[in-house]
Amino acid sequence: MTSPSIIPSSRWFRASILTYASIFYTTTTTHAFSTPSPQIPPFINPQTPEEVVQNQLFHYQIKNLESAFSYNSPENKQATGTISDFETSLQTPPYNLL
């Protein structure tokens, strides 16, 4: 019968270190006089359709419709028209839920 190891697994250890490092970094780099960081989408260079949608939803959330529109496919841009047409379409159901 083997006894449980006191030393944590390397996966657990790495995850713990990363968590502590991220908490330390965020708590030590912000202060009352810090300026807010620019809002960066989740994926800098989206490679999959899911990543593109995540970025689009991010831009909808921060109300940056021009950036959200830039992720549309050429076919979708042709169907929606200009950015102002795109904005108008987002104000009508069911797209107004975005």
PDB file of N, CA and C in Angstrom:
ATOM      1  N   MET A   1       0.841  -1.171   0.000  1.00  0.00           N
ATOM      2  CA  MET A   1       0.000   0.000   0.000  1.00  0.00           C
ATOM      3  C   MET A   1       0.890   1.241   0.000  1.00  0.00           C
ATOM      4  N   THR A   2       0.643   2.118  -0.941  1.00  0.00           N
ATOM      5  CA  THR A   2       1.460   3.330  -1.028  1.00  0.00           C
ATOM      6  C   THR A   2       0.797   4.452  -0.254  1.00  0.00           C
ATOM      7  N   SER A   3       1.618   5.246   0.383  1.00  0.00           N
ATOM      8  CA  SER A   3       1.080   6.385   1.120  1.00  0.00           C
ATOM      9  C   SER A   3       0.983   7.581   0.186  1.00  0.00           C
ATOM     10  N   PRO A   4       0.017   8.471   0.431  1.00  0.00           N
ATOM     11  CA  PRO A   4      -0.106   9.646  -0.434  1.00  0.00           C
ATOM     12  C   PRO A   4       1.130  10.528  -0.323  1.00  0.00           C
ATOM     13  N   SER A   5       1.499  11.080  -1.423  1.00  0.00           N
ATOM     14  CA  SER A   5       2.688  11.922  -1.470  1.00  0.00           C
ATOM     15  C   SER A   5       2.407  13.279  -0.853  1.00  0.00           C
ATOM     16  N   ILE A   6       3.358  13.775  -0.106  1.00  0.00           N
ATOM     17  CA  ILE A   6       3.240  15.105   0.487  1.00  0.00           C
ATOM     18  C   ILE A   6       3.558  16.162  -0.559  1.00  0.00           C
ATOM     19  N   ILE A   7       4.400  15.827  -1.516  1.00  0.00           N
ATOM     20  CA  ILE A   7       4.802  16.754  -2.567  1.00  0.00           C
ATOM     21  C   ILE A   7       3.696  16.800  -3.615  1.00  0.00           C
ATOM     22  N   PRO A   8       3.197  17.991  -3.944  1.00  0.00           N
ATOM     23  CA  PRO A   8       2.124  18.087  -4.929  1.00  0.00           C
ATOM     24  C   PRO A   8       2.611  17.704  -6.327  1.00  0.00           C
ATOM     25  N   SER A   9       1.659  17.313  -7.149  1.00  0.00           N
ATOM     26  CA  SER A   9       2.006  16.970  -8.526  1.00  0.00           C
ATOM     27  C   SER A   9       2.521  18.207  -9.253  1.00  0.00           C
ATOM     28  N   SER A  10       3.286  17.986 -10.284  1.00  0.00           N
ATOM     29  CA  SER A  10       3.868  19.121 -11.000  1.00  0.00           C
ATOM     30  C   SER A  10       2.783  19.953 -11.681  1.00  0.00           C
ATOM     31  N   ARG A  11       1.706  19.333 -12.165  1.00  0.00           N
ATOM     32  CA  ARG A  11       0.619  20.081 -12.805  1.00  0.00           C
ATOM     33  C   ARG A  11      -0.037  21.013 -11.788  1.00  0.00           C
ATOM     34  N   TRP A  12      -0.331  20.488 -10.617  1.00  0.00           N
ATOM     35  CA  TRP A  12      -0.931  21.289  -9.560  1.00  0.00           C
ATOM     36  C   TRP A  12       0.008  22.418  -9.158  1.00  0.00           C
ATOM     37  N   PHE A  13       1.274  22.102  -9.037  1.00  0.00           N
ATOM     38  CA  PHE A  13       2.264  23.085  -8.621  1.00  0.00           C
ATOM     39  C   PHE A  13       2.355  24.224  -9.633  1.00  0.00           C
ATOM     40  N   ARG A  14       2.416  23.886 -10.925  1.00  0.00           N
ATOM     41  CA  ARG A  14       2.490  24.920 -11.962  1.00  0.00           C
ATOM     42  C   ARG A  14       1.239  25.791 -11.966  1.00  0.00           C
ATOM     43  N   ALA A  15       0.083  25.163 -11.824  1.00  0.00           N
ATOM     44  CA  ALA A  15      -1.170  25.924 -11.802  1.00  0.00           C
ATOM     45  C   ALA A  15      -1.214  26.861 -10.606  1.00  0.00           C
ATOM     46  N   SER A  16      -0.739  26.385  -9.468  1.00  0.00           N
ATOM     47  CA  SER A  16      -0.722  27.228  -8.261  1.00  0.00           C
ATOM     48  C   SER A  16       0.213  28.408  -8.433  1.00  0.00           C
ATOM     49  N   ILE A  17       1.383  28.159  -8.961  1.00  0.00           N
ATOM     50  CA  ILE A  17       2.363  29.239  -9.162  1.00  0.00           C
ATOM     51  C   ILE A  17       1.806  30.281 -10.126  1.00  0.00           C
ATOM     52  N   LEU A  18       1.193  29.829 -11.225  1.00  0.00           N
ATOM     53  CA  LEU A  18       0.624  30.774 -12.187  1.00  0.00           C
ATOM     54  C   LEU A  18      -0.493  31.593 -11.556  1.00  0.00           C
ATOM     55  N   THR A  19      -1.325  30.947 -10.757  1.00  0.00           N
ATOM     56  CA  THR A  19      -2.412  31.663 -10.096  1.00  0.00           C
ATOM     57  C   THR A  19      -1.864  32.714  -9.147  1.00  0.00           C
ATOM     58  N   TYR A  20      -0.913  32.309  -8.298  1.00  0.00           N
ATOM     59  CA  TYR A  20      -0.327  33.259  -7.357  1.00  0.00           C
ATOM     60  C   TYR A  20       0.402  34.388  -8.083  1.00  0.00           C
ATOM     61  N   ALA A  21       1.085  34.067  -9.150  1.00  0.00           N
ATOM     62  CA  ALA A  21       1.805  35.095  -9.907  1.00  0.00           C
ATOM     63  C   ALA A  21       0.832  36.090 -10.520  1.00  0.00           C
ATOM     64  N   SER A  22      -0.270  35.603 -11.079  1.00  0.00           N
ATOM     65  CA  SER A  22      -1.230  36.515 -11.700  1.00  0.00           C
ATOM     66  C   SER A  22      -1.900  37.391 -10.650  1.00  0.00           C
ATOM     67  N   ILE A  23      -2.206  36.818  -9.477  1.00  0.00           N
ATOM     68  CA  ILE A  23      -2.798  37.623  -8.404  1.00  0.00           C
ATOM     69  C   ILE A  23      -1.793  38.671  -7.932  1.00  0.00           C
ATOM     70  N   PHE A  24      -0.557  38.278  -7.741  1.00  0.00           N
ATOM     71  CA  PHE A  24       0.472  39.215  -7.306  1.00  0.00           C
ATOM     72  C   PHE A  24       0.661  40.313  -8.335  1.00  0.00           C
ATOM     73  N   TYR A  25       0.713  39.953  -9.606  1.00  0.00           N
ATOM     74  CA  TYR A  25       0.933  40.946 -10.661  1.00  0.00           C
ATOM     75  C   TYR A  25      -0.207  41.951 -10.701  1.00  0.00           C
ATOM     76  N   THR A  26      -1.446  41.476 -10.645  1.00  0.00           N
ATOM     77  CA  THR A  26      -2.572  42.401 -10.741  1.00  0.00           C
ATOM     78  C   THR A  26      -2.702  43.265  -9.503  1.00  0.00           C
ATOM     79  N   THR A  27      -2.341  42.746  -8.348  1.00  0.00           N
ATOM     80  CA  THR A  27      -2.461  43.563  -7.145  1.00  0.00           C
ATOM     81  C   THR A  27      -1.307  44.531  -6.979  1.00  0.00           C
ATOM     82  N   THR A  28      -0.173  44.248  -7.586  1.00  0.00           N
ATOM     83  CA  THR A  28       0.963  45.141  -7.410  1.00  0.00           C
ATOM     84  C   THR A  28       1.108  46.147  -8.541  1.00  0.00           C
ATOM     85  N   THR A  29       0.424  45.952  -9.648  1.00  0.00           N
ATOM     86  CA  THR A  29       0.603  46.873 -10.764  1.00  0.00           C
ATOM     87  C   THR A  29      -0.517  47.890 -10.879  1.00  0.00           C
ATOM     88  N   THR A  30      -1.548  47.785 -10.059  1.00  0.00           N
ATOM     89  CA  THR A  30      -2.623  48.772 -10.103  1.00  0.00           C
ATOM     90  C   THR A  30      -2.623  49.565  -8.813  1.00  0.00           C
ATOM     91  N   HIS A  31      -2.914  50.824  -8.926  1.00  0.00           N
ATOM     92  CA  HIS A  31      -2.991  51.683  -7.761  1.00  0.00           C
ATOM     93  C   HIS A  31      -3.960  52.812  -8.077  1.00  0.00           C
ATOM     94  N   ALA A  32      -4.156  53.688  -7.140  1.00  0.00           N
ATOM     95  CA  ALA A  32      -5.161  54.735  -7.286  1.00  0.00           C
ATOM     96  C   ALA A  32      -4.901  55.663  -8.464  1.00  0.00           C
ATOM     97  N   PHE A  33      -3.646  55.797  -8.847  1.00  0.00           N
ATOM     98  CA  PHE A  33      -3.319  56.727  -9.922  1.00  0.00           C
ATOM     99  C   PHE A  33      -3.013  56.043 -11.242  1.00  0.00           C
ATOM    100  N   SER A  34      -3.241  54.742 -11.316  1.00  0.00           N
ATOM    101  CA  SER A  34      -2.947  54.033 -12.559  1.00  0.00           C
ATOM    102  C   SER A  34      -4.029  54.328 -13.587  1.00  0.00           C
ATOM    103  N   THR A  35      -3.627  54.346 -14.825  1.00  0.00           N
ATOM    104  CA  THR A  35      -4.583  54.557 -15.904  1.00  0.00           C
ATOM    105  C   THR A  35      -5.119  53.202 -16.339  1.00  0.00           C
ATOM    106  N   PRO A  36      -6.379  53.136 -16.740  1.00  0.00           N
ATOM    107  CA  PRO A  36      -6.914  51.853 -17.162  1.00  0.00           C
ATOM    108  C   PRO A  36      -6.209  51.353 -18.413  1.00  0.00           C
ATOM    109  N   SER A  37      -6.005  50.063 -18.475  1.00  0.00           N
ATOM    110  CA  SER A  37      -5.347  49.489 -19.648  1.00  0.00           C
ATOM    111  C   SER A  37      -6.314  49.496 -20.826  1.00  0.00           C
ATOM    112  N   PRO A  38      -5.801  49.534 -22.047  1.00  0.00           N
ATOM    113  CA  PRO A  38      -6.691  49.500 -23.203  1.00  0.00           C
ATOM    114  C   PRO A  38      -7.450  48.187 -23.229  1.00  0.00           C
ATOM    115  N   GLN A  39      -8.625  48.238 -23.746  1.00  0.00           N
ATOM    116  CA  GLN A  39      -9.435  47.031 -23.801  1.00  0.00           C
ATOM    117  C   GLN A  39      -8.986  46.201 -24.993  1.00  0.00           C
ATOM    118  N   ILE A  40      -8.464  45.032 -24.680  1.00  0.00           N
ATOM    119  CA  ILE A  40      -7.895  44.148 -25.688  1.00  0.00           C
ATOM    120  C   ILE A  40      -8.811  42.953 -25.868  1.00  0.00           C
ATOM    121  N   PRO A  41      -9.121  42.586 -27.106  1.00  0.00           N
ATOM    122  CA  PRO A  41      -9.991  41.424 -27.319  1.00  0.00           C
ATOM    123  C   PRO A  41      -9.331  40.141 -26.820  1.00  0.00           C
ATOM    124  N   PRO A  42     -10.128  39.104 -26.582  1.00  0.00           N
ATOM    125  CA  PRO A  42      -9.579  37.857 -26.049  1.00  0.00           C
ATOM    126  C   PRO A  42      -8.506  37.227 -26.932  1.00  0.00           C
ATOM    127  N   PHE A  43      -8.646  37.354 -28.233  1.00  0.00           N
ATOM    128  CA  PHE A  43      -7.697  36.729 -29.155  1.00  0.00           C
ATOM    129  C   PHE A  43      -7.093  37.801 -30.055  1.00  0.00           C
ATOM    130  N   ILE A  44      -5.777  37.957 -29.964  1.00  0.00           N
ATOM    131  CA  ILE A  44      -5.085  38.975 -30.754  1.00  0.00           C
ATOM    132  C   ILE A  44      -5.112  38.618 -32.235  1.00  0.00           C
ATOM    133  N   ASN A  45      -4.914  37.365 -32.550  1.00  0.00           N
ATOM    134  CA  ASN A  45      -4.919  36.898 -33.937  1.00  0.00           C
ATOM    135  C   ASN A  45      -5.830  35.675 -34.020  1.00  0.00           C
ATOM    136  N   PRO A  46      -7.162  35.878 -34.108  1.00  0.00           N
ATOM    137  CA  PRO A  46      -8.078  34.738 -34.079  1.00  0.00           C
ATOM    138  C   PRO A  46      -7.833  33.780 -35.243  1.00  0.00           C
ATOM    139  N   GLN A  47      -7.805  32.487 -34.909  1.00  0.00           N
ATOM    140  CA  GLN A  47      -7.516  31.458 -35.908  1.00  0.00           C
ATOM    141  C   GLN A  47      -8.725  30.585 -36.232  1.00  0.00           C
ATOM    142  N   THR A  48      -9.700  30.528 -35.344  1.00  0.00           N
ATOM    143  CA  THR A  48     -10.861  29.665 -35.547  1.00  0.00           C
ATOM    144  C   THR A  48     -12.127  30.517 -35.579  1.00  0.00           C
ATOM    145  N   PRO A  49     -13.205  29.980 -36.135  1.00  0.00           N
ATOM    146  CA  PRO A  49     -14.472  30.729 -36.119  1.00  0.00           C
ATOM    147  C   PRO A  49     -14.917  31.086 -34.690  1.00  0.00           C
ATOM    148  N   GLU A  50     -14.672  30.190 -33.749  1.00  0.00           N
ATOM    149  CA  GLU A  50     -15.054  30.453 -32.364  1.00  0.00           C
ATOM    150  C   GLU A  50     -14.298  31.657 -31.800  1.00  0.00           C
ATOM    151  N   GLU A  51     -13.022  31.754 -32.122  1.00  0.00           N
ATOM    152  CA  GLU A  51     -12.225  32.886 -31.650  1.00  0.00           C
ATOM    153  C   GLU A  51     -12.702  34.195 -32.281  1.00  0.00           C
ATOM    154  N   VAL A  52     -13.081  34.146 -33.546  1.00  0.00           N
ATOM    155  CA  VAL A  52     -13.602  35.338 -34.221  1.00  0.00           C
ATOM    156  C   VAL A  52     -14.891  35.794 -33.549  1.00  0.00           C
ATOM    157  N   VAL A  53     -15.777  34.846 -33.257  1.00  0.00           N
ATOM    158  CA  VAL A  53     -17.043  35.186 -32.604  1.00  0.00           C
ATOM    159  C   VAL A  53     -16.791  35.750 -31.211  1.00  0.00           C
ATOM    160  N   GLN A  54     -15.845  35.172 -30.474  1.00  0.00           N
ATOM    161  CA  GLN A  54     -15.501  35.700 -29.150  1.00  0.00           C
ATOM    162  C   GLN A  54     -15.041  37.158 -29.253  1.00  0.00           C
ATOM    163  N   ASN A  55     -14.217  37.445 -30.251  1.00  0.00           N
ATOM    164  CA  ASN A  55     -13.746  38.821 -30.440  1.00  0.00           C
ATOM    165  C   ASN A  55     -14.897  39.740 -30.827  1.00  0.00           C
ATOM    166  N   GLN A  56     -15.774  39.262 -31.705  1.00  0.00           N
ATOM    167  CA  GLN A  56     -16.925  40.084 -32.097  1.00  0.00           C
ATOM    168  C   GLN A  56     -17.796  40.399 -30.891  1.00  0.00           C
ATOM    169  N   LEU A  57     -18.097  39.397 -30.087  1.00  0.00           N
ATOM    170  CA  LEU A  57     -18.921  39.616 -28.900  1.00  0.00           C
ATOM    171  C   LEU A  57     -18.242  40.575 -27.926  1.00  0.00           C
ATOM    172  N   PHE A  58     -16.936  40.489 -27.830  1.00  0.00           N
ATOM    173  CA  PHE A  58     -16.180  41.423 -26.984  1.00  0.00           C
ATOM    174  C   PHE A  58     -16.397  42.857 -27.462  1.00  0.00           C
ATOM    175  N   HIS A  59     -16.290  43.070 -28.772  1.00  0.00           N
ATOM    176  CA  HIS A  59     -16.447  44.417 -29.317  1.00  0.00           C
ATOM    177  C   HIS A  59     -17.883  44.914 -29.186  1.00  0.00           C
ATOM    178  N   TYR A  60     -18.866  44.015 -29.292  1.00  0.00           N
ATOM    179  CA  TYR A  60     -20.254  44.413 -29.029  1.00  0.00           C
ATOM    180  C   TYR A  60     -20.395  44.876 -27.583  1.00  0.00           C
ATOM    181  N   GLN A  61     -19.767  44.133 -26.671  1.00  0.00           N
ATOM    182  CA  GLN A  61     -19.874  44.437 -25.253  1.00  0.00           C
ATOM    183  C   GLN A  61     -19.313  45.814 -24.916  1.00  0.00           C
ATOM    184  N   ILE A  62     -18.208  46.197 -25.557  1.00  0.00           N
ATOM    185  CA  ILE A  62     -17.627  47.513 -25.274  1.00  0.00           C
ATOM    186  C   ILE A  62     -18.151  48.587 -26.243  1.00  0.00           C
ATOM    187  N   LYS A  63     -19.151  48.196 -27.021  1.00  0.00           N
ATOM    188  CA  LYS A  63     -19.824  49.115 -27.956  1.00  0.00           C
ATOM    189  C   LYS A  63     -18.888  49.693 -29.010  1.00  0.00           C
ATOM    190  N   ASN A  64     -18.015  48.855 -29.528  1.00  0.00           N
ATOM    191  CA  ASN A  64     -17.113  49.248 -30.608  1.00  0.00           C
ATOM    192  C   ASN A  64     -17.590  48.534 -31.872  1.00  0.00           C
ATOM    193  N   LEU A  65     -18.605  49.106 -32.509  1.00  0.00           N
ATOM    194  CA  LEU A  65     -19.233  48.437 -33.652  1.00  0.00           C
ATOM    195  C   LEU A  65     -18.339  48.379 -34.881  1.00  0.00           C
ATOM    196  N   GLU A  66     -17.472  49.359 -35.041  1.00  0.00           N
ATOM    197  CA  GLU A  66     -16.575  49.333 -36.197  1.00  0.00           C
ATOM    198  C   GLU A  66     -15.656  48.120 -36.144  1.00  0.00           C
ATOM    199  N   SER A  67     -15.125  47.833 -34.968  1.00  0.00           N
ATOM    200  CA  SER A  67     -14.254  46.661 -34.823  1.00  0.00           C
ATOM    201  C   SER A  67     -15.058  45.378 -34.981  1.00  0.00           C
ATOM    202  N   ALA A  68     -16.260  45.345 -34.424  1.00  0.00           N
ATOM    203  CA  ALA A  68     -17.111  44.158 -34.574  1.00  0.00           C
ATOM    204  C   ALA A  68     -17.424  43.930 -36.053  1.00  0.00           C
ATOM    205  N   PHE A  69     -17.719  45.010 -36.763  1.00  0.00           N
ATOM    206  CA  PHE A  69     -18.026  44.916 -38.195  1.00  0.00           C
ATOM    207  C   PHE A  69     -16.828  44.409 -38.994  1.00  0.00           C
ATOM    208  N   SER A  70     -15.634  44.753 -38.558  1.00  0.00           N
ATOM    209  CA  SER A  70     -14.429  44.349 -39.302  1.00  0.00           C
ATOM    210  C   SER A  70     -14.242  42.832 -39.319  1.00  0.00           C
ATOM    211  N   TYR A  71     -14.848  42.112 -38.370  1.00  0.00           N
ATOM    212  CA  TYR A  71     -14.735  40.656 -38.333  1.00  0.00           C
ATOM    213  C   TYR A  71     -15.726  39.962 -39.263  1.00  0.00           C
ATOM    214  N   ASN A  72     -16.668  40.702 -39.830  1.00  0.00           N
ATOM    215  CA  ASN A  72     -17.642  40.091 -40.732  1.00  0.00           C
ATOM    216  C   ASN A  72     -16.963  39.565 -41.994  1.00  0.00           C
ATOM    217  N   SER A  73     -17.506  38.493 -42.494  1.00  0.00           N
ATOM    218  CA  SER A  73     -16.987  37.939 -43.744  1.00  0.00           C
ATOM    219  C   SER A  73     -17.345  38.883 -44.887  1.00  0.00           C
ATOM    220  N   PRO A  74     -16.642  38.780 -46.021  1.00  0.00           N
ATOM    221  CA  PRO A  74     -16.985  39.627 -47.169  1.00  0.00           C
ATOM    222  C   PRO A  74     -18.446  39.449 -47.609  1.00  0.00           C
ATOM    223  N   GLU A  75     -18.940  38.213 -47.529  1.00  0.00           N
ATOM    224  CA  GLU A  75     -20.340  37.957 -47.910  1.00  0.00           C
ATOM    225  C   GLU A  75     -21.300  38.652 -46.952  1.00  0.00           C
ATOM    226  N   ASN A  76     -20.977  38.610 -45.663  1.00  0.00           N
ATOM    227  CA  ASN A  76     -21.829  39.258 -44.674  1.00  0.00           C
ATOM    228  C   ASN A  76     -21.774  40.773 -44.824  1.00  0.00           C
ATOM    229  N   LYS A  77     -20.592  41.309 -45.119  1.00  0.00           N
ATOM    230  CA  LYS A  77     -20.474  42.754 -45.333  1.00  0.00           C
ATOM    231  C   LYS A  77     -21.293  43.179 -46.546  1.00  0.00           C
ATOM    232  N   GLN A  78     -21.300  42.347 -47.569  1.00  0.00           N
ATOM    233  CA  GLN A  78     -22.083  42.663 -48.762  1.00  0.00           C
ATOM    234  C   GLN A  78     -23.575  42.630 -48.443  1.00  0.00           C
ATOM    235  N   ALA A  79     -23.983  41.683 -47.599  1.00  0.00           N
ATOM    236  CA  ALA A  79     -25.402  41.559 -47.240  1.00  0.00           C
ATOM    237  C   ALA A  79     -25.851  42.684 -46.308  1.00  0.00           C
ATOM    238  N   THR A  80     -24.984  43.105 -45.394  1.00  0.00           N
ATOM    239  CA  THR A  80     -25.375  44.142 -44.429  1.00  0.00           C
ATOM    240  C   THR A  80     -25.152  45.546 -44.962  1.00  0.00           C
ATOM    241  N   GLY A  81     -24.248  45.719 -45.873  1.00  0.00           N
ATOM    242  CA  GLY A  81     -23.986  47.047 -46.415  1.00  0.00           C
ATOM    243  C   GLY A  81     -22.946  47.795 -45.612  1.00  0.00           C
ATOM    244  N   THR A  82     -23.160  49.084 -45.441  1.00  0.00           N
ATOM    245  CA  THR A  82     -22.187  49.943 -44.765  1.00  0.00           C
ATOM    246  C   THR A  82     -22.235  49.736 -43.251  1.00  0.00           C
ATOM    247  N   ILE A  83     -21.300  50.371 -42.567  1.00  0.00           N
ATOM    248  CA  ILE A  83     -21.269  50.288 -41.113  1.00  0.00           C
ATOM    249  C   ILE A  83     -22.531  50.891 -40.502  1.00  0.00           C
ATOM    250  N   SER A  84     -23.054  51.936 -41.086  1.00  0.00           N
ATOM    251  CA  SER A  84     -24.290  52.539 -40.552  1.00  0.00           C
ATOM    252  C   SER A  84     -25.483  51.603 -40.753  1.00  0.00           C
ATOM    253  N   ASP A  85     -25.514  50.881 -41.898  1.00  0.00           N
ATOM    254  CA  ASP A  85     -26.564  49.879 -42.106  1.00  0.00           C
ATOM    255  C   ASP A  85     -26.429  48.749 -41.084  1.00  0.00           C
ATOM    256  N   PHE A  86     -25.199  48.374 -40.800  1.00  0.00           N
ATOM    257  CA  PHE A  86     -24.923  47.333 -39.820  1.00  0.00           C
ATOM    258  C   PHE A  86     -25.411  47.781 -38.443  1.00  0.00           C
ATOM    259  N   GLU A  87     -25.122  49.028 -38.101  1.00  0.00           N
ATOM    260  CA  GLU A  87     -25.554  49.559 -36.805  1.00  0.00           C
ATOM    261  C   GLU A  87     -27.083  49.587 -36.712  1.00  0.00           C
ATOM    262  N   THR A  88     -27.734  49.973 -37.789  1.00  0.00           N
ATOM    263  CA  THR A  88     -29.196  49.991 -37.816  1.00  0.00           C
ATOM    264  C   THR A  88     -29.764  48.591 -37.643  1.00  0.00           C
ATOM    265  N   SER A  89     -29.153  47.618 -38.303  1.00  0.00           N
ATOM    266  CA  SER A  89     -29.651  46.241 -38.185  1.00  0.00           C
ATOM    267  C   SER A  89     -29.507  45.712 -36.768  1.00  0.00           C
ATOM    268  N   LEU A  90     -28.504  46.189 -36.035  1.00  0.00           N
ATOM    269  CA  LEU A  90     -28.315  45.739 -34.654  1.00  0.00           C
ATOM    270  C   LEU A  90     -29.329  46.354 -33.693  1.00  0.00           C
ATOM    271  N   GLN A  91     -30.072  47.328 -34.154  1.00  0.00           N
ATOM    272  CA  GLN A  91     -31.086  47.962 -33.308  1.00  0.00           C
ATOM    273  C   GLN A  91     -32.462  47.352 -33.507  1.00  0.00           C
ATOM    274  N   THR A  92     -32.573  46.368 -34.401  1.00  0.00           N
ATOM    275  CA  THR A  92     -33.847  45.707 -34.657  1.00  0.00           C
ATOM    276  C   THR A  92     -33.809  44.266 -34.157  1.00  0.00           C
ATOM    277  N   PRO A  93     -34.975  43.738 -33.732  1.00  0.00           N
ATOM    278  CA  PRO A  93     -35.001  42.346 -33.245  1.00  0.00           C
ATOM    279  C   PRO A  93     -34.608  41.379 -34.346  1.00  0.00           C
ATOM    280  N   PRO A  94     -33.976  40.302 -34.064  1.00  0.00           N
ATOM    281  CA  PRO A  94     -33.512  39.827 -32.765  1.00  0.00           C
ATOM    282  C   PRO A  94     -32.095  40.298 -32.440  1.00  0.00           C
ATOM    283  N   TYR A  95     -31.494  41.067 -33.331  1.00  0.00           N
ATOM    284  CA  TYR A  95     -30.097  41.474 -33.143  1.00  0.00           C
ATOM    285  C   TYR A  95     -29.909  42.500 -32.045  1.00  0.00           C
ATOM    286  N   ASN A  96     -30.984  43.166 -31.654  1.00  0.00           N
ATOM    287  CA  ASN A  96     -30.861  44.176 -30.592  1.00  0.00           C
ATOM    288  C   ASN A  96     -30.540  43.540 -29.237  1.00  0.00           C
ATOM    289  N   LEU A  97     -30.602  42.232 -29.145  1.00  0.00           N
ATOM    290  CA  LEU A  97     -30.236  41.552 -27.906  1.00  0.00           C
ATOM    291  C   LEU A  97     -28.727  41.491 -27.717  1.00  0.00           C
ATOM    292  N   LEU A  98     -27.970  41.700 -28.796  1.00  0.00           N
ATOM    293  CA  LEU A  98     -26.523  41.703 -28.667  1.00  0.00           C
ATOM    294  C   LEU A  98     -26.108  42.944 -27.925  1.00  0.00           C
TER     295      LEU A  98
END
